[in-house]
Amino acid sequence: MLLALPLLAGCLERGRSPIAESMGDDNQYCQARAAVGSPEYVACRKDRDVQRQNAEVRSDRRQRDLGEYMMNHPDVH
């Protein structure tokens, strides 16, 4: 468990999650598809927000499940 702490601490660095980093810049992504301020642009930004939130929930769930597994199976390396 102590070996995992430095790795987990890196996820919290700068307040940005790895999910946010991997999805890139929403503004740039949506500008490439629609004019800023247009209904299509607004919809694109909302869709990206939902995608990011869903990815964060999945990531959090996997991390929680791993922690629970480790707590319930302390004899497994």
PDB file of N, CA and C in Angstrom:
ATOM      1  N   MET A   1       0.826  -1.192   0.000  1.00  0.00           N
ATOM      2  CA  MET A   1       0.000   0.000   0.000  1.00  0.00           C
ATOM      3  C   MET A   1       0.874   1.261   0.000  1.00  0.00           C
ATOM      4  N   LEU A   2       1.929   1.245   0.797  1.00  0.00           N
ATOM      5  CA  LEU A   2       2.795   2.413   0.859  1.00  0.00           C
ATOM      6  C   LEU A   2       3.511   2.665  -0.465  1.00  0.00           C
ATOM      7  N   LEU A   3       3.729   1.618  -1.222  1.00  0.00           N
ATOM      8  CA  LEU A   3       4.383   1.773  -2.510  1.00  0.00           C
ATOM      9  C   LEU A   3       3.483   2.478  -3.516  1.00  0.00           C
ATOM     10  N   ALA A   4       2.170   2.360  -3.350  1.00  0.00           N
ATOM     11  CA  ALA A   4       1.225   2.956  -4.292  1.00  0.00           C
ATOM     12  C   ALA A   4       0.998   4.440  -4.022  1.00  0.00           C
ATOM     13  N   LEU A   5       1.278   4.907  -2.815  1.00  0.00           N
ATOM     14  CA  LEU A   5       0.995   6.300  -2.475  1.00  0.00           C
ATOM     15  C   LEU A   5       1.695   7.309  -3.384  1.00  0.00           C
ATOM     16  N   PRO A   6       2.988   7.164  -3.664  1.00  0.00           N
ATOM     17  CA  PRO A   6       3.610   8.142  -4.575  1.00  0.00           C
ATOM     18  C   PRO A   6       2.972   8.147  -5.967  1.00  0.00           C
ATOM     19  N   LEU A   7       2.557   6.985  -6.412  1.00  0.00           N
ATOM     20  CA  LEU A   7       1.914   6.918  -7.728  1.00  0.00           C
ATOM     21  C   LEU A   7       0.567   7.624  -7.711  1.00  0.00           C
ATOM     22  N   LEU A   8      -0.187   7.424  -6.648  1.00  0.00           N
ATOM     23  CA  LEU A   8      -1.495   8.061  -6.535  1.00  0.00           C
ATOM     24  C   LEU A   8      -1.363   9.567  -6.340  1.00  0.00           C
ATOM     25  N   ALA A   9      -0.340   9.992  -5.639  1.00  0.00           N
ATOM     26  CA  ALA A   9      -0.138  11.419  -5.409  1.00  0.00           C
ATOM     27  C   ALA A   9       0.087  12.152  -6.723  1.00  0.00           C
ATOM     28  N   GLY A  10       0.694  11.502  -7.677  1.00  0.00           N
ATOM     29  CA  GLY A  10       0.919  12.119  -8.980  1.00  0.00           C
ATOM     30  C   GLY A  10      -0.363  12.439  -9.701  1.00  0.00           C
ATOM     31  N   CYS A  11      -1.431  11.698  -9.430  1.00  0.00           N
ATOM     32  CA  CYS A  11      -2.720  11.948 -10.065  1.00  0.00           C
ATOM     33  C   CYS A  11      -3.328  13.254  -9.595  1.00  0.00           C
ATOM     34  N   LEU A  12      -2.986  13.670  -8.394  1.00  0.00           N
ATOM     35  CA  LEU A  12      -3.572  14.884  -7.827  1.00  0.00           C
ATOM     36  C   LEU A  12      -2.759  16.136  -8.150  1.00  0.00           C
ATOM     37  N   GLU A  13      -1.619  15.951  -8.737  1.00  0.00           N
ATOM     38  CA  GLU A  13      -0.738  17.067  -9.038  1.00  0.00           C
ATOM     39  C   GLU A  13      -1.416  18.081  -9.948  1.00  0.00           C
ATOM     40  N   ARG A  14      -1.291  19.341  -9.613  1.00  0.00           N
ATOM     41  CA  ARG A  14      -1.834  20.467 -10.386  1.00  0.00           C
ATOM     42  C   ARG A  14      -3.358  20.465 -10.469  1.00  0.00           C
ATOM     43  N   GLY A  15      -4.042  19.598  -9.744  1.00  0.00           N
ATOM     44  CA  GLY A  15      -5.495  19.622  -9.734  1.00  0.00           C
ATOM     45  C   GLY A  15      -6.155  19.131 -11.012  1.00  0.00           C
ATOM     46  N   ARG A  16      -5.398  18.596 -11.917  1.00  0.00           N
ATOM     47  CA  ARG A  16      -5.953  18.078 -13.171  1.00  0.00           C
ATOM     48  C   ARG A  16      -5.840  16.573 -13.174  1.00  0.00           C
ATOM     49  N   SER A  17      -6.902  15.944 -13.565  1.00  0.00           N
ATOM     50  CA  SER A  17      -6.900  14.486 -13.593  1.00  0.00           C
ATOM     51  C   SER A  17      -6.294  13.979 -14.896  1.00  0.00           C
ATOM     52  N   PRO A  18      -5.849  12.736 -14.906  1.00  0.00           N
ATOM     53  CA  PRO A  18      -5.345  12.147 -16.152  1.00  0.00           C
ATOM     54  C   PRO A  18      -6.427  12.096 -17.226  1.00  0.00           C
ATOM     55  N   ILE A  19      -7.679  11.992 -16.825  1.00  0.00           N
ATOM     56  CA  ILE A  19      -8.789  11.976 -17.788  1.00  0.00           C
ATOM     57  C   ILE A  19      -8.852  13.318 -18.513  1.00  0.00           C
ATOM     58  N   ALA A  20      -8.780  14.395 -17.757  1.00  0.00           N
ATOM     59  CA  ALA A  20      -8.832  15.724 -18.362  1.00  0.00           C
ATOM     60  C   ALA A  20      -7.654  15.938 -19.310  1.00  0.00           C
ATOM     61  N   GLU A  21      -6.484  15.462 -18.900  1.00  0.00           N
ATOM     62  CA  GLU A  21      -5.295  15.606 -19.742  1.00  0.00           C
ATOM     63  C   GLU A  21      -5.444  14.821 -21.044  1.00  0.00           C
ATOM     64  N   SER A  22      -6.016  13.630 -20.954  1.00  0.00           N
ATOM     65  CA  SER A  22      -6.096  12.780 -22.136  1.00  0.00           C
ATOM     66  C   SER A  22      -7.148  13.261 -23.133  1.00  0.00           C
ATOM     67  N   MET A  23      -8.151  14.000 -22.665  1.00  0.00           N
ATOM     68  CA  MET A  23      -9.206  14.462 -23.568  1.00  0.00           C
ATOM     69  C   MET A  23      -8.809  15.723 -24.321  1.00  0.00           C
ATOM     70  N   GLY A  24      -7.795  16.415 -23.848  1.00  0.00           N
ATOM     71  CA  GLY A  24      -7.325  17.594 -24.546  1.00  0.00           C
ATOM     72  C   GLY A  24      -8.162  18.826 -24.266  1.00  0.00           C
ATOM     73  N   ASP A  25      -7.980  19.833 -25.085  1.00  0.00           N
ATOM     74  CA  ASP A  25      -8.632  21.128 -24.920  1.00  0.00           C
ATOM     75  C   ASP A  25     -10.012  21.108 -25.567  1.00  0.00           C
ATOM     76  N   ASP A  26     -11.049  21.207 -24.745  1.00  0.00           N
ATOM     77  CA  ASP A  26     -12.419  21.184 -25.260  1.00  0.00           C
ATOM     78  C   ASP A  26     -12.697  22.354 -26.193  1.00  0.00           C
ATOM     79  N   ASN A  27     -12.194  23.524 -25.845  1.00  0.00           N
ATOM     80  CA  ASN A  27     -12.440  24.701 -26.668  1.00  0.00           C
ATOM     81  C   ASN A  27     -11.883  24.503 -28.074  1.00  0.00           C
ATOM     82  N   GLN A  28     -10.657  24.036 -28.148  1.00  0.00           N
ATOM     83  CA  GLN A  28     -10.019  23.807 -29.448  1.00  0.00           C
ATOM     84  C   GLN A  28     -10.761  22.721 -30.225  1.00  0.00           C
ATOM     85  N   TYR A  29     -11.127  21.647 -29.532  1.00  0.00           N
ATOM     86  CA  TYR A  29     -11.843  20.538 -30.168  1.00  0.00           C
ATOM     87  C   TYR A  29     -13.161  21.028 -30.772  1.00  0.00           C
ATOM     88  N   CYS A  30     -13.922  21.781 -30.005  1.00  0.00           N
ATOM     89  CA  CYS A  30     -15.241  22.222 -30.470  1.00  0.00           C
ATOM     90  C   CYS A  30     -15.143  23.344 -31.511  1.00  0.00           C
ATOM     91  N   GLN A  31     -14.123  24.192 -31.394  1.00  0.00           N
ATOM     92  CA  GLN A  31     -13.944  25.245 -32.403  1.00  0.00           C
ATOM     93  C   GLN A  31     -13.647  24.646 -33.768  1.00  0.00           C
ATOM     94  N   ALA A  32     -13.012  23.498 -33.797  1.00  0.00           N
ATOM     95  CA  ALA A  32     -12.698  22.846 -35.062  1.00  0.00           C
ATOM     96  C   ALA A  32     -13.958  22.292 -35.727  1.00  0.00           C
ATOM     97  N   ARG A  33     -15.038  22.183 -34.959  1.00  0.00           N
ATOM     98  CA  ARG A  33     -16.278  21.606 -35.480  1.00  0.00           C
ATOM     99  C   ARG A  33     -17.403  22.602 -35.660  1.00  0.00           C
ATOM    100  N   ALA A  34     -17.322  23.749 -34.972  1.00  0.00           N
ATOM    101  CA  ALA A  34     -18.406  24.730 -35.052  1.00  0.00           C
ATOM    102  C   ALA A  34     -17.897  26.099 -34.619  1.00  0.00           C
ATOM    103  N   ALA A  35     -18.615  27.134 -35.025  1.00  0.00           N
ATOM    104  CA  ALA A  35     -18.261  28.505 -34.664  1.00  0.00           C
ATOM    105  C   ALA A  35     -18.577  28.745 -33.190  1.00  0.00           C
ATOM    106  N   VAL A  36     -17.673  29.474 -32.510  1.00  0.00           N
ATOM    107  CA  VAL A  36     -17.866  29.782 -31.097  1.00  0.00           C
ATOM    108  C   VAL A  36     -19.190  30.519 -30.911  1.00  0.00           C
ATOM    109  N   GLY A  37     -19.971  30.046 -29.942  1.00  0.00           N
ATOM    110  CA  GLY A  37     -21.246  30.675 -29.632  1.00  0.00           C
ATOM    111  C   GLY A  37     -22.427  30.077 -30.370  1.00  0.00           C
ATOM    112  N   SER A  38     -22.169  29.279 -31.389  1.00  0.00           N
ATOM    113  CA  SER A  38     -23.259  28.668 -32.141  1.00  0.00           C
ATOM    114  C   SER A  38     -23.888  27.548 -31.310  1.00  0.00           C
ATOM    115  N   PRO A  39     -25.119  27.179 -31.621  1.00  0.00           N
ATOM    116  CA  PRO A  39     -25.755  26.070 -30.888  1.00  0.00           C
ATOM    117  C   PRO A  39     -24.947  24.773 -30.988  1.00  0.00           C
ATOM    118  N   GLU A  40     -24.304  24.539 -32.129  1.00  0.00           N
ATOM    119  CA  GLU A  40     -23.497  23.342 -32.295  1.00  0.00           C
ATOM    120  C   GLU A  40     -22.277  23.363 -31.368  1.00  0.00           C
ATOM    121  N   TYR A  41     -21.671  24.550 -31.227  1.00  0.00           N
ATOM    122  CA  TYR A  41     -20.520  24.699 -30.334  1.00  0.00           C
ATOM    123  C   TYR A  41     -20.929  24.453 -28.886  1.00  0.00           C
ATOM    124  N   VAL A  42     -22.038  25.034 -28.477  1.00  0.00           N
ATOM    125  CA  VAL A  42     -22.536  24.856 -27.110  1.00  0.00           C
ATOM    126  C   VAL A  42     -22.839  23.380 -26.850  1.00  0.00           C
ATOM    127  N   ALA A  43     -23.474  22.723 -27.808  1.00  0.00           N
ATOM    128  CA  ALA A  43     -23.789  21.299 -27.662  1.00  0.00           C
ATOM    129  C   ALA A  43     -22.505  20.482 -27.571  1.00  0.00           C
ATOM    130  N   CYS A  44     -21.509  20.833 -28.363  1.00  0.00           N
ATOM    131  CA  CYS A  44     -20.222  20.128 -28.333  1.00  0.00           C
ATOM    132  C   CYS A  44     -19.584  20.257 -26.954  1.00  0.00           C
ATOM    133  N   ARG A  45     -19.576  21.464 -26.400  1.00  0.00           N
ATOM    134  CA  ARG A  45     -18.977  21.667 -25.078  1.00  0.00           C
ATOM    135  C   ARG A  45     -19.727  20.883 -24.009  1.00  0.00           C
ATOM    136  N   LYS A  46     -21.054  20.871 -24.097  1.00  0.00           N
ATOM    137  CA  LYS A  46     -21.849  20.106 -23.127  1.00  0.00           C
ATOM    138  C   LYS A  46     -21.558  18.617 -23.259  1.00  0.00           C
ATOM    139  N   ASP A  47     -21.471  18.127 -24.492  1.00  0.00           N
ATOM    140  CA  ASP A  47     -21.159  16.712 -24.715  1.00  0.00           C
ATOM    141  C   ASP A  47     -19.793  16.354 -24.141  1.00  0.00           C
ATOM    142  N   ARG A  48     -18.817  17.222 -24.339  1.00  0.00           N
ATOM    143  CA  ARG A  48     -17.473  16.972 -23.808  1.00  0.00           C
ATOM    144  C   ARG A  48     -17.484  16.948 -22.282  1.00  0.00           C
ATOM    145  N   ASP A  49     -18.280  17.840 -21.672  1.00  0.00           N
ATOM    146  CA  ASP A  49     -18.401  17.842 -20.210  1.00  0.00           C
ATOM    147  C   ASP A  49     -18.978  16.523 -19.717  1.00  0.00           C
ATOM    148  N   VAL A  50     -20.024  16.042 -20.377  1.00  0.00           N
ATOM    149  CA  VAL A  50     -20.661  14.780 -19.984  1.00  0.00           C
ATOM    150  C   VAL A  50     -19.679  13.625 -20.170  1.00  0.00           C
ATOM    151  N   GLN A  51     -18.954  13.606 -21.279  1.00  0.00           N
ATOM    152  CA  GLN A  51     -17.972  12.545 -21.528  1.00  0.00           C
ATOM    153  C   GLN A  51     -16.897  12.537 -20.438  1.00  0.00           C
ATOM    154  N   ARG A  52     -16.420  13.718 -20.078  1.00  0.00           N
ATOM    155  CA  ARG A  52     -15.374  13.823 -19.062  1.00  0.00           C
ATOM    156  C   ARG A  52     -15.906  13.361 -17.703  1.00  0.00           C
ATOM    157  N   GLN A  53     -17.109  13.794 -17.350  1.00  0.00           N
ATOM    158  CA  GLN A  53     -17.696  13.382 -16.075  1.00  0.00           C
ATOM    159  C   GLN A  53     -17.883  11.865 -16.017  1.00  0.00           C
ATOM    160  N   ASN A  54     -18.358  11.276 -17.099  1.00  0.00           N
ATOM    161  CA  ASN A  54     -18.551   9.822 -17.138  1.00  0.00           C
ATOM    162  C   ASN A  54     -17.222   9.090 -17.011  1.00  0.00           C
ATOM    163  N   ALA A  55     -16.196   9.599 -17.670  1.00  0.00           N
ATOM    164  CA  ALA A  55     -14.869   8.985 -17.582  1.00  0.00           C
ATOM    165  C   ALA A  55     -14.316   9.098 -16.163  1.00  0.00           C
ATOM    166  N   GLU A  56     -14.536  10.237 -15.518  1.00  0.00           N
ATOM    167  CA  GLU A  56     -14.077  10.425 -14.137  1.00  0.00           C
ATOM    168  C   GLU A  56     -14.789   9.456 -13.202  1.00  0.00           C
ATOM    169  N   VAL A  57     -16.088   9.270 -13.397  1.00  0.00           N
ATOM    170  CA  VAL A  57     -16.859   8.345 -12.557  1.00  0.00           C
ATOM    171  C   VAL A  57     -16.333   6.922 -12.734  1.00  0.00           C
ATOM    172  N   ARG A  58     -16.091   6.512 -13.980  1.00  0.00           N
ATOM    173  CA  ARG A  58     -15.557   5.168 -14.230  1.00  0.00           C
ATOM    174  C   ARG A  58     -14.183   4.990 -13.588  1.00  0.00           C
ATOM    175  N   SER A  59     -13.343   6.002 -13.713  1.00  0.00           N
ATOM    176  CA  SER A  59     -12.006   5.940 -13.140  1.00  0.00           C
ATOM    177  C   SER A  59     -12.068   5.862 -11.617  1.00  0.00           C
ATOM    178  N   ASP A  60     -12.906   6.686 -11.018  1.00  0.00           N
ATOM    179  CA  ASP A  60     -13.065   6.662  -9.565  1.00  0.00           C
ATOM    180  C   ASP A  60     -13.581   5.308  -9.095  1.00  0.00           C
ATOM    181  N   ARG A  61     -14.531   4.743  -9.830  1.00  0.00           N
ATOM    182  CA  ARG A  61     -15.096   3.443  -9.463  1.00  0.00           C
ATOM    183  C   ARG A  61     -14.030   2.350  -9.539  1.00  0.00           C
ATOM    184  N   ARG A  62     -13.214   2.367 -10.604  1.00  0.00           N
ATOM    185  CA  ARG A  62     -12.147   1.376 -10.730  1.00  0.00           C
ATOM    186  C   ARG A  62     -11.140   1.501  -9.589  1.00  0.00           C
ATOM    187  N   GLN A  63     -10.796   2.736  -9.245  1.00  0.00           N
ATOM    188  CA  GLN A  63      -9.841   2.960  -8.156  1.00  0.00           C
ATOM    189  C   GLN A  63     -10.417   2.476  -6.828  1.00  0.00           C
ATOM    190  N   ARG A  64     -11.687   2.778  -6.584  1.00  0.00           N
ATOM    191  CA  ARG A  64     -12.344   2.329  -5.357  1.00  0.00           C
ATOM    192  C   ARG A  64     -12.403   0.797  -5.305  1.00  0.00           C
ATOM    193  N   ASP A  65     -12.767   0.182  -6.425  1.00  0.00           N
ATOM    194  CA  ASP A  65     -12.838  -1.280  -6.485  1.00  0.00           C
ATOM    195  C   ASP A  65     -11.476  -1.913  -6.226  1.00  0.00           C
ATOM    196  N   LEU A  66     -10.426  -1.324  -6.779  1.00  0.00           N
ATOM    197  CA  LEU A  66      -9.075  -1.837  -6.552  1.00  0.00           C
ATOM    198  C   LEU A  66      -8.709  -1.723  -5.078  1.00  0.00           C
ATOM    199  N   GLY A  67      -9.008  -0.591  -4.466  1.00  0.00           N
ATOM    200  CA  GLY A  67      -8.724  -0.408  -3.043  1.00  0.00           C
ATOM    201  C   GLY A  67      -9.466  -1.413  -2.188  1.00  0.00           C
ATOM    202  N   GLU A  68     -10.741  -1.640  -2.504  1.00  0.00           N
ATOM    203  CA  GLU A  68     -11.527  -2.616  -1.758  1.00  0.00           C
ATOM    204  C   GLU A  68     -10.961  -4.028  -1.942  1.00  0.00           C
ATOM    205  N   TYR A  69     -10.562  -4.354  -3.163  1.00  0.00           N
ATOM    206  CA  TYR A  69      -9.973  -5.660  -3.424  1.00  0.00           C
ATOM    207  C   TYR A  69      -8.699  -5.849  -2.603  1.00  0.00           C
ATOM    208  N   MET A  70      -7.860  -4.814  -2.587  1.00  0.00           N
ATOM    209  CA  MET A  70      -6.608  -4.893  -1.847  1.00  0.00           C
ATOM    210  C   MET A  70      -6.860  -5.037  -0.348  1.00  0.00           C
ATOM    211  N   MET A  71      -7.877  -4.369   0.163  1.00  0.00           N
ATOM    212  CA  MET A  71      -8.193  -4.471   1.582  1.00  0.00           C
ATOM    213  C   MET A  71      -8.749  -5.855   1.909  1.00  0.00           C
ATOM    214  N   ASN A  72      -9.504  -6.437   1.001  1.00  0.00           N
ATOM    215  CA  ASN A  72     -10.130  -7.744   1.241  1.00  0.00           C
ATOM    216  C   ASN A  72      -9.205  -8.908   0.929  1.00  0.00           C
ATOM    217  N   HIS A  73      -8.090  -8.656   0.245  1.00  0.00           N
ATOM    218  CA  HIS A  73      -7.146  -9.716  -0.112  1.00  0.00           C
ATOM    219  C   HIS A  73      -5.725  -9.298   0.238  1.00  0.00           C
ATOM    220  N   PRO A  74      -5.450  -9.129   1.528  1.00  0.00           N
ATOM    221  CA  PRO A  74      -4.108  -8.633   1.915  1.00  0.00           C
ATOM    222  C   PRO A  74      -2.989  -9.636   1.662  1.00  0.00           C
ATOM    223  N   ASP A  75      -3.334 -10.913   1.460  1.00  0.00           N
ATOM    224  CA  ASP A  75      -2.303 -11.924   1.272  1.00  0.00           C
ATOM    225  C   ASP A  75      -1.839 -12.036  -0.178  1.00  0.00           C
ATOM    226  N   VAL A  76      -2.524 -11.390  -1.114  1.00  0.00           N
ATOM    227  CA  VAL A  76      -2.165 -11.442  -2.528  1.00  0.00           C
ATOM    228  C   VAL A  76      -1.124 -10.355  -2.793  1.00  0.00           C
ATOM    229  N   HIS A  77      -0.099 -10.678  -3.521  1.00  0.00           N
ATOM    230  CA  HIS A  77       0.963  -9.714  -3.830  1.00  0.00           C
ATOM    231  C   HIS A  77       0.560  -8.805  -4.918  1.00  0.00           C
TER     232      HIS A  77
END
